[in-house]
Amino acid sequence: MTKSTRNRHTAAGLTDQQVLDMYYYMLLARRIDERQWLLNRAGKVPFVISCQGQEAAQVGAAFALDRQKDYLCPYYRDLAMVLVFGQTARDCMLSAFAKAEDPNSGGRQMPGHFGSRKYRILTGSSPVTTQVPHAVGIALAGKMQKKDLVVFTSFGEGSSNQGDFHEGANFAGVHKLPVIFFCENNKYAISVPLAKQLGCERVSDRAAGYGFPGITIDGNDPIVVYETMKQAVERARAGEGPTLIEAVTYRLVPHSSDDDDRTYRTREEVEDARKKDPIPRFAAYLKEAGVMDEQMEQEMAQRVQAEVDEATEYAENAPYPMPESALDHVYER
């Protein structure tokens, strides 16, 4: 490894501590996700929709945003993203178990429907892509109120075919709004492969039709994602309008706990993708760069494991919502 490669994170403006923190959030998201799958198979939680394979894209993007003033309009796989913005392992487990203390919805939404007024995370919805026009609306409000904010919205490549994406992108382009469209291209819209989704070569090609830049990057490298996002954030804050970023990743597990991905992709394809798993890849970089050694890696793993164990035990023993709470926030005409 050359000296320039060893110092890629420094050249990108990241400190040693920041890249260690990146690794922590990537690993925490993976271990929470893996635990939720085990709990689902044990019949303890009803549903899992996974972030496995996409952690680098989410963490790299989150680190380029200002967690004190920027807004997230995430999609259902963005577990690592919301962890960086402030949600905890306990919060995520409370949501998975649908317990009353779930900060996202009080146990009244499916897992993956993140939401937090405290952390400026817009609550999600089951129909895909509805977060995109909402993100554009927040960006418009911020511009009208002359606030220094950037709005981040993410979605899968399948969502880039929805009308919500195109309407949001067109409006944002016309009005030069401070919004970043972040496509986590994991190659499959449930079971539909990329080749059957797009008439163009890349999702990022679509930005040209709306008058703003589009770029395709390696979504398995959090430093590359951070650098690209940082430029997009600076552009948005300068009043130059939106950017479409396509982070190419791979979904390492089925679409959800109710999906059998063996019906539409081979085991050889998945195993080949695992060779590019962003977590061991980033760990190798940190060790080669002299930022992390074997002992630090083990200590990090133990810290994360303890955090996930505590969160699981707490959430499993927490109370469910009271039945009458189903009538809360329901309005009568």
C-alpha atoms as a PDB file:
ATOM      1  CA  MET A   1       0.000   0.000   0.000  1.00  0.00           C
ATOM      2  CA  THR A   2       1.416   3.395  -0.974  1.00  0.00           C
ATOM      3  CA  LYS A   3       1.699   6.328   1.381  1.00  0.00           C
ATOM      4  CA  SER A   4      -1.097   8.168  -0.452  1.00  0.00           C
ATOM      5  CA  THR A   5      -3.375   5.135  -0.069  1.00  0.00           C
ATOM      6  CA  ARG A   6      -2.568   4.841   3.627  1.00  0.00           C
ATOM      7  CA  ASN A   7      -3.617   8.449   4.124  1.00  0.00           C
ATOM      8  CA  ARG A   8      -6.760   8.499   2.002  1.00  0.00           C
ATOM      9  CA  HIS A   9      -8.947   9.470   4.946  1.00  0.00           C
ATOM     10  CA  THR A  10      -6.611  12.298   5.933  1.00  0.00           C
ATOM     11  CA  ALA A  11      -6.624  13.616   2.377  1.00  0.00           C
ATOM     12  CA  ALA A  12     -10.439  13.536   2.492  1.00  0.00           C
ATOM     13  CA  GLY A  13     -10.428  15.677   5.650  1.00  0.00           C
ATOM     14  CA  LEU A  14     -11.210  12.874   8.108  1.00  0.00           C
ATOM     15  CA  THR A  15      -9.290  12.344  11.347  1.00  0.00           C
ATOM     16  CA  ASP A  16      -8.184   8.973  12.660  1.00  0.00           C
ATOM     17  CA  GLN A  17     -10.921   9.145  15.289  1.00  0.00           C
ATOM     18  CA  GLN A  18     -13.574   9.897  12.700  1.00  0.00           C
ATOM     19  CA  VAL A  19     -12.729   6.842  10.601  1.00  0.00           C
ATOM     20  CA  LEU A  20     -12.704   4.694  13.746  1.00  0.00           C
ATOM     21  CA  ASP A  21     -16.151   6.092  14.539  1.00  0.00           C
ATOM     22  CA  MET A  22     -17.235   5.252  10.991  1.00  0.00           C
ATOM     23  CA  TYR A  23     -16.160   1.663  11.510  1.00  0.00           C
ATOM     24  CA  TYR A  24     -17.982   1.527  14.840  1.00  0.00           C
ATOM     25  CA  TYR A  25     -21.285   2.626  13.300  1.00  0.00           C
ATOM     26  CA  MET A  26     -20.903   0.239  10.365  1.00  0.00           C
ATOM     27  CA  LEU A  27     -20.217  -2.663  12.703  1.00  0.00           C
ATOM     28  CA  LEU A  28     -23.000  -1.682  15.111  1.00  0.00           C
ATOM     29  CA  ALA A  29     -25.552  -1.561  12.281  1.00  0.00           C
ATOM     30  CA  ARG A  30     -24.428  -4.977  11.028  1.00  0.00           C
ATOM     31  CA  ARG A  31     -24.636  -6.611  14.459  1.00  0.00           C
ATOM     32  CA  ILE A  32     -28.064  -5.102  15.198  1.00  0.00           C
ATOM     33  CA  ASP A  33     -29.271  -6.340  11.826  1.00  0.00           C
ATOM     34  CA  GLU A  34     -27.874  -9.835  12.358  1.00  0.00           C
ATOM     35  CA  ARG A  35     -29.454 -10.031  15.812  1.00  0.00           C
ATOM     36  CA  GLN A  36     -32.833  -8.984  14.426  1.00  0.00           C
ATOM     37  CA  TRP A  37     -32.664 -11.806  11.861  1.00  0.00           C
ATOM     38  CA  LEU A  38     -32.001 -14.313  14.655  1.00  0.00           C
ATOM     39  CA  LEU A  39     -34.888 -12.910  16.676  1.00  0.00           C
ATOM     40  CA  ASN A  40     -37.158 -13.120  13.651  1.00  0.00           C
ATOM     41  CA  ARG A  41     -36.261 -16.745  12.999  1.00  0.00           C
ATOM     42  CA  ALA A  42     -36.907 -17.452  16.683  1.00  0.00           C
ATOM     43  CA  GLY A  43     -40.398 -15.982  16.311  1.00  0.00           C
ATOM     44  CA  LYS A  44     -39.706 -13.023  18.600  1.00  0.00           C
ATOM     45  CA  VAL A  45     -39.832 -10.119  16.129  1.00  0.00           C
ATOM     46  CA  PRO A  46     -42.198 -10.069  13.149  1.00  0.00           C
ATOM     47  CA  PHE A  47     -40.177  -8.530  10.329  1.00  0.00           C
ATOM     48  CA  VAL A  48     -36.669  -7.498   9.278  1.00  0.00           C
ATOM     49  CA  ILE A  49     -35.672  -5.348   6.333  1.00  0.00           C
ATOM     50  CA  SER A  50     -31.938  -5.369   6.165  1.00  0.00           C
ATOM     51  CA  CYS A  51     -29.075  -2.913   5.702  1.00  0.00           C
ATOM     52  CA  GLN A  52     -26.402  -5.610   5.317  1.00  0.00           C
ATOM     53  CA  GLY A  53     -23.971  -4.610   2.577  1.00  0.00           C
ATOM     54  CA  GLN A  54     -25.028  -0.962   2.525  1.00  0.00           C
ATOM     55  CA  GLU A  55     -23.471   0.253   5.779  1.00  0.00           C
ATOM     56  CA  ALA A  56     -20.503   2.015   4.156  1.00  0.00           C
ATOM     57  CA  ALA A  57     -22.714   4.093   1.876  1.00  0.00           C
ATOM     58  CA  GLN A  58     -24.939   5.157   4.759  1.00  0.00           C
ATOM     59  CA  VAL A  59     -22.180   5.977   7.244  1.00  0.00           C
ATOM     60  CA  GLY A  60     -20.010   7.772   4.703  1.00  0.00           C
ATOM     61  CA  ALA A  61     -22.955   9.940   3.696  1.00  0.00           C
ATOM     62  CA  ALA A  62     -24.029  10.693   7.267  1.00  0.00           C
ATOM     63  CA  PHE A  63     -20.570  11.884   8.275  1.00  0.00           C
ATOM     64  CA  ALA A  64     -20.660  14.567   5.569  1.00  0.00           C
ATOM     65  CA  LEU A  65     -23.845  16.109   6.991  1.00  0.00           C
ATOM     66  CA  ASP A  66     -24.248  18.484   9.925  1.00  0.00           C
ATOM     67  CA  ARG A  67     -26.050  16.487  12.605  1.00  0.00           C
ATOM     68  CA  GLN A  68     -27.124  19.674  14.365  1.00  0.00           C
ATOM     69  CA  LYS A  69     -29.025  21.324  11.518  1.00  0.00           C
ATOM     70  CA  ASP A  70     -29.419  19.076   8.448  1.00  0.00           C
ATOM     71  CA  TYR A  71     -32.462  16.868   7.825  1.00  0.00           C
ATOM     72  CA  LEU A  72     -32.766  13.186   6.957  1.00  0.00           C
ATOM     73  CA  CYS A  73     -35.537  11.733   4.832  1.00  0.00           C
ATOM     74  CA  PRO A  74     -34.269   8.147   4.801  1.00  0.00           C
ATOM     75  CA  TYR A  75     -35.625   4.931   3.412  1.00  0.00           C
ATOM     76  CA  TYR A  76     -36.278   1.698   5.210  1.00  0.00           C
ATOM     77  CA  ARG A  77     -32.760   0.222   4.970  1.00  0.00           C
ATOM     78  CA  ASP A  78     -30.996   3.234   6.520  1.00  0.00           C
ATOM     79  CA  LEU A  79     -30.274   1.703   9.926  1.00  0.00           C
ATOM     80  CA  ALA A  80     -26.610   2.802   9.915  1.00  0.00           C
ATOM     81  CA  MET A  81     -27.596   6.302   8.808  1.00  0.00           C
ATOM     82  CA  VAL A  82     -30.002   6.902  11.702  1.00  0.00           C
ATOM     83  CA  LEU A  83     -27.512   5.458  14.196  1.00  0.00           C
ATOM     84  CA  VAL A  84     -25.008   8.129  13.169  1.00  0.00           C
ATOM     85  CA  PHE A  85     -27.677  10.815  13.586  1.00  0.00           C
ATOM     86  CA  GLY A  86     -28.429   9.754  17.165  1.00  0.00           C
ATOM     87  CA  GLN A  87     -30.688   6.751  17.397  1.00  0.00           C
ATOM     88  CA  THR A  88     -29.352   3.926  19.571  1.00  0.00           C
ATOM     89  CA  ALA A  89     -29.209   0.160  19.469  1.00  0.00           C
ATOM     90  CA  ARG A  90     -31.901   0.154  22.155  1.00  0.00           C
ATOM     91  CA  ASP A  91     -34.126   2.412  20.016  1.00  0.00           C
ATOM     92  CA  CYS A  92     -33.752   0.030  17.078  1.00  0.00           C
ATOM     93  CA  MET A  93     -34.544  -3.044  19.149  1.00  0.00           C
ATOM     94  CA  LEU A  94     -37.581  -1.401  20.730  1.00  0.00           C
ATOM     95  CA  SER A  95     -38.822  -0.766  17.199  1.00  0.00           C
ATOM     96  CA  ALA A  96     -38.147  -4.350  16.112  1.00  0.00           C
ATOM     97  CA  PHE A  97     -40.105  -5.712  19.083  1.00  0.00           C
ATOM     98  CA  ALA A  98     -42.866  -3.077  18.554  1.00  0.00           C
ATOM     99  CA  LYS A  99     -42.680  -1.916  22.165  1.00  0.00           C
ATOM    100  CA  ALA A 100     -44.315   1.167  23.651  1.00  0.00           C
ATOM    101  CA  GLU A 101     -40.968   2.939  24.185  1.00  0.00           C
ATOM    102  CA  ASP A 102     -40.087   2.716  20.479  1.00  0.00           C
ATOM    103  CA  PRO A 103     -39.130   6.347  19.729  1.00  0.00           C
ATOM    104  CA  ASN A 104     -40.042   6.024  16.065  1.00  0.00           C
ATOM    105  CA  SER A 105     -43.730   5.243  16.462  1.00  0.00           C
ATOM    106  CA  GLY A 106     -44.443   3.883  19.923  1.00  0.00           C
ATOM    107  CA  GLY A 107     -44.567   0.375  18.506  1.00  0.00           C
ATOM    108  CA  ARG A 108     -47.173   1.296  15.894  1.00  0.00           C
ATOM    109  CA  GLN A 109     -45.066   1.064  12.724  1.00  0.00           C
ATOM    110  CA  MET A 110     -43.152  -1.658  10.930  1.00  0.00           C
ATOM    111  CA  PRO A 111     -39.386  -1.820  11.538  1.00  0.00           C
ATOM    112  CA  GLY A 112     -37.432   0.427   9.187  1.00  0.00           C
ATOM    113  CA  HIS A 113     -39.941   3.261   9.519  1.00  0.00           C
ATOM    114  CA  PHE A 114     -37.486   5.618  11.160  1.00  0.00           C
ATOM    115  CA  GLY A 115     -38.612   8.954  12.528  1.00  0.00           C
ATOM    116  CA  SER A 116     -37.393  11.479  15.083  1.00  0.00           C
ATOM    117  CA  ARG A 117     -38.236  15.121  15.531  1.00  0.00           C
ATOM    118  CA  LYS A 118     -35.301  15.383  17.946  1.00  0.00           C
ATOM    119  CA  TYR A 119     -32.800  14.231  15.326  1.00  0.00           C
ATOM    120  CA  ARG A 120     -34.576  15.845  12.332  1.00  0.00           C
ATOM    121  CA  ILE A 121     -35.441  12.479  10.789  1.00  0.00           C
ATOM    122  CA  LEU A 122     -38.670  12.568   8.781  1.00  0.00           C
ATOM    123  CA  THR A 123     -40.926   9.638   9.602  1.00  0.00           C
ATOM    124  CA  GLY A 124     -41.098   7.053   6.852  1.00  0.00           C
ATOM    125  CA  SER A 125     -44.004   5.455   5.027  1.00  0.00           C
ATOM    126  CA  SER A 126     -44.503   1.994   3.543  1.00  0.00           C
ATOM    127  CA  PRO A 127     -45.094   3.162  -0.066  1.00  0.00           C
ATOM    128  CA  VAL A 128     -41.606   3.601  -1.492  1.00  0.00           C
ATOM    129  CA  THR A 129     -40.244   6.991  -2.608  1.00  0.00           C
ATOM    130  CA  THR A 130     -42.802   9.181  -0.828  1.00  0.00           C
ATOM    131  CA  GLN A 131     -39.905  10.624   1.202  1.00  0.00           C
ATOM    132  CA  VAL A 132     -38.428  12.271  -1.903  1.00  0.00           C
ATOM    133  CA  PRO A 133     -41.057  14.983  -2.524  1.00  0.00           C
ATOM    134  CA  HIS A 134     -41.229  15.521   1.242  1.00  0.00           C
ATOM    135  CA  ALA A 135     -37.474  16.128   1.301  1.00  0.00           C
ATOM    136  CA  VAL A 136     -37.845  18.622  -1.518  1.00  0.00           C
ATOM    137  CA  GLY A 137     -40.589  20.379   0.445  1.00  0.00           C
ATOM    138  CA  ILE A 138     -38.352  20.701   3.501  1.00  0.00           C
ATOM    139  CA  ALA A 139     -35.582  22.069   1.297  1.00  0.00           C
ATOM    140  CA  LEU A 140     -37.979  24.607  -0.230  1.00  0.00           C
ATOM    141  CA  ALA A 141     -39.113  25.720   3.236  1.00  0.00           C
ATOM    142  CA  GLY A 142     -35.493  26.070   4.341  1.00  0.00           C
ATOM    143  CA  LYS A 143     -34.668  28.193   1.310  1.00  0.00           C
ATOM    144  CA  MET A 144     -37.742  30.414   1.785  1.00  0.00           C
ATOM    145  CA  GLN A 145     -36.859  30.910   5.458  1.00  0.00           C
ATOM    146  CA  LYS A 146     -33.200  31.527   4.573  1.00  0.00           C
ATOM    147  CA  LYS A 147     -32.035  28.736   6.867  1.00  0.00           C
ATOM    148  CA  ASP A 148     -28.629  27.124   6.533  1.00  0.00           C
ATOM    149  CA  LEU A 149     -29.764  23.545   6.091  1.00  0.00           C
ATOM    150  CA  VAL A 150     -29.296  20.677   3.686  1.00  0.00           C
ATOM    151  CA  VAL A 151     -31.839  17.903   3.217  1.00  0.00           C
ATOM    152  CA  PHE A 152     -30.701  14.356   2.511  1.00  0.00           C
ATOM    153  CA  THR A 153     -33.042  11.797   1.018  1.00  0.00           C
ATOM    154  CA  SER A 154     -32.168   8.220   0.153  1.00  0.00           C
ATOM    155  CA  PHE A 155     -33.854   5.465  -1.820  1.00  0.00           C
ATOM    156  CA  GLY A 156     -33.139   2.286  -3.731  1.00  0.00           C
ATOM    157  CA  GLU A 157     -32.525   2.192  -7.463  1.00  0.00           C
ATOM    158  CA  GLY A 158     -36.007   0.761  -7.971  1.00  0.00           C
ATOM    159  CA  SER A 159     -37.452   3.899  -6.416  1.00  0.00           C
ATOM    160  CA  SER A 160     -35.758   6.013  -9.074  1.00  0.00           C
ATOM    161  CA  ASN A 161     -38.417   4.672 -11.451  1.00  0.00           C
ATOM    162  CA  GLN A 162     -41.263   6.079  -9.378  1.00  0.00           C
ATOM    163  CA  GLY A 163     -43.052   9.307 -10.218  1.00  0.00           C
ATOM    164  CA  ASP A 164     -42.263  10.716  -6.770  1.00  0.00           C
ATOM    165  CA  PHE A 165     -38.556  10.704  -7.600  1.00  0.00           C
ATOM    166  CA  HIS A 166     -38.972  12.410 -10.975  1.00  0.00           C
ATOM    167  CA  GLU A 167     -41.382  15.058  -9.714  1.00  0.00           C
ATOM    168  CA  GLY A 168     -39.172  15.806  -6.720  1.00  0.00           C
ATOM    169  CA  ALA A 169     -36.007  15.960  -8.816  1.00  0.00           C
ATOM    170  CA  ASN A 170     -37.623  18.240 -11.389  1.00  0.00           C
ATOM    171  CA  PHE A 171     -38.931  20.678  -8.777  1.00  0.00           C
ATOM    172  CA  ALA A 172     -35.614  20.715  -6.912  1.00  0.00           C
ATOM    173  CA  GLY A 173     -33.725  21.337 -10.138  1.00  0.00           C
ATOM    174  CA  VAL A 174     -35.975  24.191 -11.228  1.00  0.00           C
ATOM    175  CA  HIS A 175     -35.719  25.944  -7.845  1.00  0.00           C
ATOM    176  CA  LYS A 176     -32.078  24.996  -7.076  1.00  0.00           C
ATOM    177  CA  LEU A 177     -32.985  23.572  -3.701  1.00  0.00           C
ATOM    178  CA  PRO A 178     -30.455  22.364  -1.099  1.00  0.00           C
ATOM    179  CA  VAL A 179     -31.356  18.692  -1.329  1.00  0.00           C
ATOM    180  CA  ILE A 180     -29.184  15.648  -2.000  1.00  0.00           C
ATOM    181  CA  PHE A 181     -30.743  12.645  -3.739  1.00  0.00           C
ATOM    182  CA  PHE A 182     -28.839   9.562  -2.596  1.00  0.00           C
ATOM    183  CA  CYS A 183     -29.557   6.330  -4.457  1.00  0.00           C
ATOM    184  CA  GLU A 184     -28.335   3.185  -2.709  1.00  0.00           C
ATOM    185  CA  ASN A 185     -28.135   0.953  -5.759  1.00  0.00           C
ATOM    186  CA  ASN A 186     -28.106  -2.577  -4.328  1.00  0.00           C
ATOM    187  CA  LYS A 187     -28.793  -4.164  -7.746  1.00  0.00           C
ATOM    188  CA  TYR A 188     -32.283  -5.514  -7.011  1.00  0.00           C
ATOM    189  CA  ALA A 189     -35.730  -3.950  -6.631  1.00  0.00           C
ATOM    190  CA  ILE A 190     -36.941  -6.856  -4.518  1.00  0.00           C
ATOM    191  CA  SER A 191     -36.477  -9.525  -7.225  1.00  0.00           C
ATOM    192  CA  VAL A 192     -36.070  -7.321 -10.308  1.00  0.00           C
ATOM    193  CA  PRO A 193     -32.417  -6.994 -11.405  1.00  0.00           C
ATOM    194  CA  LEU A 194     -30.965  -3.667 -12.450  1.00  0.00           C
ATOM    195  CA  ALA A 195     -30.867  -4.598 -16.140  1.00  0.00           C
ATOM    196  CA  LYS A 196     -34.676  -4.819 -16.153  1.00  0.00           C
ATOM    197  CA  GLN A 197     -35.164  -1.545 -14.262  1.00  0.00           C
ATOM    198  CA  LEU A 198     -33.297   1.085 -16.264  1.00  0.00           C
ATOM    199  CA  GLY A 199     -33.229   2.078 -19.904  1.00  0.00           C
ATOM    200  CA  CYS A 200     -30.130   4.156 -19.234  1.00  0.00           C
ATOM    201  CA  GLU A 201     -26.784   2.820 -18.043  1.00  0.00           C
ATOM    202  CA  ARG A 202     -26.740   4.432 -14.594  1.00  0.00           C
ATOM    203  CA  VAL A 203     -29.258   5.950 -12.193  1.00  0.00           C
ATOM    204  CA  SER A 204     -27.032   9.037 -12.046  1.00  0.00           C
ATOM    205  CA  ASP A 205     -27.660   9.637 -15.773  1.00  0.00           C
ATOM    206  CA  ARG A 206     -31.146  10.781 -14.843  1.00  0.00           C
ATOM    207  CA  ALA A 207     -29.881  13.947 -13.150  1.00  0.00           C
ATOM    208  CA  ALA A 208     -29.040  15.584 -16.499  1.00  0.00           C
ATOM    209  CA  GLY A 209     -32.714  15.773 -17.373  1.00  0.00           C
ATOM    210  CA  TYR A 210     -33.322  17.940 -14.324  1.00  0.00           C
ATOM    211  CA  GLY A 211     -30.368  20.276 -14.646  1.00  0.00           C
ATOM    212  CA  PHE A 212     -28.076  19.173 -11.844  1.00  0.00           C
ATOM    213  CA  PRO A 213     -25.042  16.882 -11.478  1.00  0.00           C
ATOM    214  CA  GLY A 214     -25.273  13.124 -11.149  1.00  0.00           C
ATOM    215  CA  ILE A 215     -22.386  10.903 -10.130  1.00  0.00           C
ATOM    216  CA  THR A 216     -21.915   7.165  -9.634  1.00  0.00           C
ATOM    217  CA  ILE A 217     -19.504   6.001  -6.932  1.00  0.00           C
ATOM    218  CA  ASP A 218     -18.317   2.911  -5.070  1.00  0.00           C
ATOM    219  CA  GLY A 219     -20.816   2.577  -2.240  1.00  0.00           C
ATOM    220  CA  ASN A 220     -18.648   0.012  -0.482  1.00  0.00           C
ATOM    221  CA  ASP A 221     -16.010   2.624   0.374  1.00  0.00           C
ATOM    222  CA  PRO A 222     -17.113   5.068   3.107  1.00  0.00           C
ATOM    223  CA  ILE A 223     -14.248   7.466   2.356  1.00  0.00           C
ATOM    224  CA  VAL A 224     -15.244   7.784  -1.299  1.00  0.00           C
ATOM    225  CA  VAL A 225     -18.867   8.289  -0.247  1.00  0.00           C
ATOM    226  CA  TYR A 226     -17.852  10.921   2.316  1.00  0.00           C
ATOM    227  CA  GLU A 227     -15.765  12.874  -0.214  1.00  0.00           C
ATOM    228  CA  THR A 228     -18.562  12.874  -2.795  1.00  0.00           C
ATOM    229  CA  MET A 229     -21.208  13.815  -0.254  1.00  0.00           C
ATOM    230  CA  LYS A 230     -19.045  16.592   1.160  1.00  0.00           C
ATOM    231  CA  GLN A 231     -18.842  18.218  -2.276  1.00  0.00           C
ATOM    232  CA  ALA A 232     -22.602  17.873  -2.739  1.00  0.00           C
ATOM    233  CA  VAL A 233     -23.269  19.392   0.686  1.00  0.00           C
ATOM    234  CA  GLU A 234     -20.975  22.338  -0.046  1.00  0.00           C
ATOM    235  CA  ARG A 235     -22.713  22.849  -3.372  1.00  0.00           C
ATOM    236  CA  ALA A 236     -26.141  22.812  -1.719  1.00  0.00           C
ATOM    237  CA  ARG A 237     -25.108  25.256   1.024  1.00  0.00           C
ATOM    238  CA  ALA A 238     -23.710  27.618  -1.606  1.00  0.00           C
ATOM    239  CA  GLY A 239     -27.140  27.843  -3.268  1.00  0.00           C
ATOM    240  CA  GLU A 240     -26.085  25.850  -6.330  1.00  0.00           C
ATOM    241  CA  GLY A 241     -28.854  23.297  -6.021  1.00  0.00           C
ATOM    242  CA  PRO A 242     -29.232  19.533  -5.792  1.00  0.00           C
ATOM    243  CA  THR A 243     -26.958  16.598  -6.598  1.00  0.00           C
ATOM    244  CA  LEU A 244     -27.867  12.995  -7.410  1.00  0.00           C
ATOM    245  CA  ILE A 245     -25.398  10.472  -5.986  1.00  0.00           C
ATOM    246  CA  GLU A 246     -25.646   6.820  -6.972  1.00  0.00           C
ATOM    247  CA  ALA A 247     -23.748   4.679  -4.452  1.00  0.00           C
ATOM    248  CA  VAL A 248     -23.334   1.212  -5.956  1.00  0.00           C
ATOM    249  CA  THR A 249     -23.662  -1.470  -3.273  1.00  0.00           C
ATOM    250  CA  TYR A 250     -25.089  -4.970  -2.968  1.00  0.00           C
ATOM    251  CA  ARG A 251     -27.804  -6.385  -0.738  1.00  0.00           C
ATOM    252  CA  LEU A 252     -26.118  -9.340   0.963  1.00  0.00           C
ATOM    253  CA  VAL A 253     -29.318 -10.907   2.318  1.00  0.00           C
ATOM    254  CA  PRO A 254     -32.891 -11.356   1.031  1.00  0.00           C
ATOM    255  CA  HIS A 255     -35.050  -8.288   0.459  1.00  0.00           C
ATOM    256  CA  SER A 256     -36.724  -8.910   3.802  1.00  0.00           C
ATOM    257  CA  SER A 257     -37.329 -11.709   6.272  1.00  0.00           C
ATOM    258  CA  ASP A 258     -40.318 -12.725   4.128  1.00  0.00           C
ATOM    259  CA  ASP A 259     -38.295 -13.066   0.902  1.00  0.00           C
ATOM    260  CA  ASP A 260     -36.507 -16.079  -0.600  1.00  0.00           C
ATOM    261  CA  ASP A 261     -33.790 -14.584  -2.784  1.00  0.00           C
ATOM    262  CA  ARG A 262     -32.761 -18.018  -4.087  1.00  0.00           C
ATOM    263  CA  THR A 263     -35.579 -17.728  -6.616  1.00  0.00           C
ATOM    264  CA  TYR A 264     -33.951 -14.843  -8.477  1.00  0.00           C
ATOM    265  CA  ARG A 265     -30.186 -14.854  -7.834  1.00  0.00           C
ATOM    266  CA  THR A 266     -27.570 -17.561  -7.494  1.00  0.00           C
ATOM    267  CA  ARG A 267     -25.617 -18.383  -4.344  1.00  0.00           C
ATOM    268  CA  GLU A 268     -22.432 -17.898  -6.373  1.00  0.00           C
ATOM    269  CA  GLU A 269     -23.429 -14.303  -7.141  1.00  0.00           C
ATOM    270  CA  VAL A 270     -24.076 -13.543  -3.485  1.00  0.00           C
ATOM    271  CA  GLU A 271     -20.847 -15.175  -2.312  1.00  0.00           C
ATOM    272  CA  ASP A 272     -18.891 -13.227  -4.898  1.00  0.00           C
ATOM    273  CA  ALA A 273     -20.474 -10.000  -3.607  1.00  0.00           C
ATOM    274  CA  ARG A 274     -19.485 -10.942  -0.047  1.00  0.00           C
ATOM    275  CA  LYS A 275     -15.850 -10.693  -1.105  1.00  0.00           C
ATOM    276  CA  LYS A 276     -16.497  -6.930  -1.354  1.00  0.00           C
ATOM    277  CA  ASP A 277     -18.280  -6.703   2.011  1.00  0.00           C
ATOM    278  CA  PRO A 278     -17.583  -3.119   3.138  1.00  0.00           C
ATOM    279  CA  ILE A 279     -16.977  -3.952   6.810  1.00  0.00           C
ATOM    280  CA  PRO A 280     -13.975  -6.310   6.565  1.00  0.00           C
ATOM    281  CA  ARG A 281     -12.744  -4.207   3.656  1.00  0.00           C
ATOM    282  CA  PHE A 282     -12.767  -1.031   5.768  1.00  0.00           C
ATOM    283  CA  ALA A 283     -11.229  -2.846   8.743  1.00  0.00           C
ATOM    284  CA  ALA A 284      -8.364  -3.935   6.496  1.00  0.00           C
ATOM    285  CA  TYR A 285      -7.860  -0.335   5.357  1.00  0.00           C
ATOM    286  CA  LEU A 286      -7.777   0.960   8.938  1.00  0.00           C
ATOM    287  CA  LYS A 287      -5.180  -1.616   9.924  1.00  0.00           C
ATOM    288  CA  GLU A 288      -3.029  -0.979   6.864  1.00  0.00           C
ATOM    289  CA  ALA A 289      -3.263   2.757   7.514  1.00  0.00           C
ATOM    290  CA  GLY A 290      -2.067   2.233  11.090  1.00  0.00           C
ATOM    291  CA  VAL A 291      -5.293   3.568  12.603  1.00  0.00           C
ATOM    292  CA  MET A 292      -6.492   0.274  14.107  1.00  0.00           C
ATOM    293  CA  ASP A 293      -4.683  -2.858  15.266  1.00  0.00           C
ATOM    294  CA  GLU A 294      -5.961  -6.350  16.101  1.00  0.00           C
ATOM    295  CA  GLN A 295      -6.498  -5.514  19.768  1.00  0.00           C
ATOM    296  CA  MET A 296      -8.488  -2.377  18.958  1.00  0.00           C
ATOM    297  CA  GLU A 297     -10.577  -4.357  16.481  1.00  0.00           C
ATOM    298  CA  GLN A 298     -11.375  -6.987  19.123  1.00  0.00           C
ATOM    299  CA  GLU A 299     -12.224  -4.321  21.706  1.00  0.00           C
ATOM    300  CA  MET A 300     -14.530  -2.623  19.207  1.00  0.00           C
ATOM    301  CA  ALA A 301     -16.248  -5.928  18.464  1.00  0.00           C
ATOM    302  CA  GLN A 302     -16.733  -6.609  22.189  1.00  0.00           C
ATOM    303  CA  ARG A 303     -18.108  -3.111  22.780  1.00  0.00           C
ATOM    304  CA  VAL A 304     -20.610  -3.494  19.953  1.00  0.00           C
ATOM    305  CA  GLN A 305     -21.625  -6.987  21.070  1.00  0.00           C
ATOM    306  CA  ALA A 306     -22.285  -5.770  24.617  1.00  0.00           C
ATOM    307  CA  GLU A 307     -24.336  -2.863  23.277  1.00  0.00           C
ATOM    308  CA  VAL A 308     -26.473  -5.151  21.120  1.00  0.00           C
ATOM    309  CA  ASP A 309     -26.918  -7.676  23.948  1.00  0.00           C
ATOM    310  CA  GLU A 310     -28.055  -4.948  26.361  1.00  0.00           C
ATOM    311  CA  ALA A 311     -30.407  -3.444  23.790  1.00  0.00           C
ATOM    312  CA  THR A 312     -31.949  -6.836  23.018  1.00  0.00           C
ATOM    313  CA  GLU A 313     -32.513  -7.733  26.669  1.00  0.00           C
ATOM    314  CA  TYR A 314     -34.002  -4.324  27.455  1.00  0.00           C
ATOM    315  CA  ALA A 315     -36.341  -4.300  24.468  1.00  0.00           C
ATOM    316  CA  GLU A 316     -37.499  -7.877  24.926  1.00  0.00           C
ATOM    317  CA  ASN A 317     -38.538  -7.138  28.515  1.00  0.00           C
ATOM    318  CA  ALA A 318     -40.085  -3.710  27.808  1.00  0.00           C
ATOM    319  CA  PRO A 319     -43.898  -3.389  27.816  1.00  0.00           C
ATOM    320  CA  TYR A 320     -46.017  -3.416  24.666  1.00  0.00           C
ATOM    321  CA  PRO A 321     -48.289  -0.441  23.919  1.00  0.00           C
ATOM    322  CA  MET A 322     -51.602  -0.418  25.746  1.00  0.00           C
ATOM    323  CA  PRO A 323     -54.420  -1.533  23.414  1.00  0.00           C
ATOM    324  CA  GLU A 324     -56.289   1.768  23.823  1.00  0.00           C
ATOM    325  CA  SER A 325     -53.243   3.640  22.490  1.00  0.00           C
ATOM    326  CA  ALA A 326     -54.241   2.427  19.030  1.00  0.00           C
ATOM    327  CA  LEU A 327     -56.778   5.266  19.093  1.00  0.00           C
ATOM    328  CA  ASP A 328     -54.152   7.953  19.795  1.00  0.00           C
ATOM    329  CA  HIS A 329     -53.537  10.524  17.032  1.00  0.00           C
ATOM    330  CA  VAL A 330     -56.572   9.315  15.099  1.00  0.00           C
ATOM    331  CA  TYR A 331     -58.865  12.145  14.102  1.00  0.00           C
ATOM    332  CA  GLU A 332     -62.646  12.021  13.820  1.00  0.00           C
ATOM    333  CA  ARG A 333     -64.550  14.101  11.313  1.00  0.00           C
END
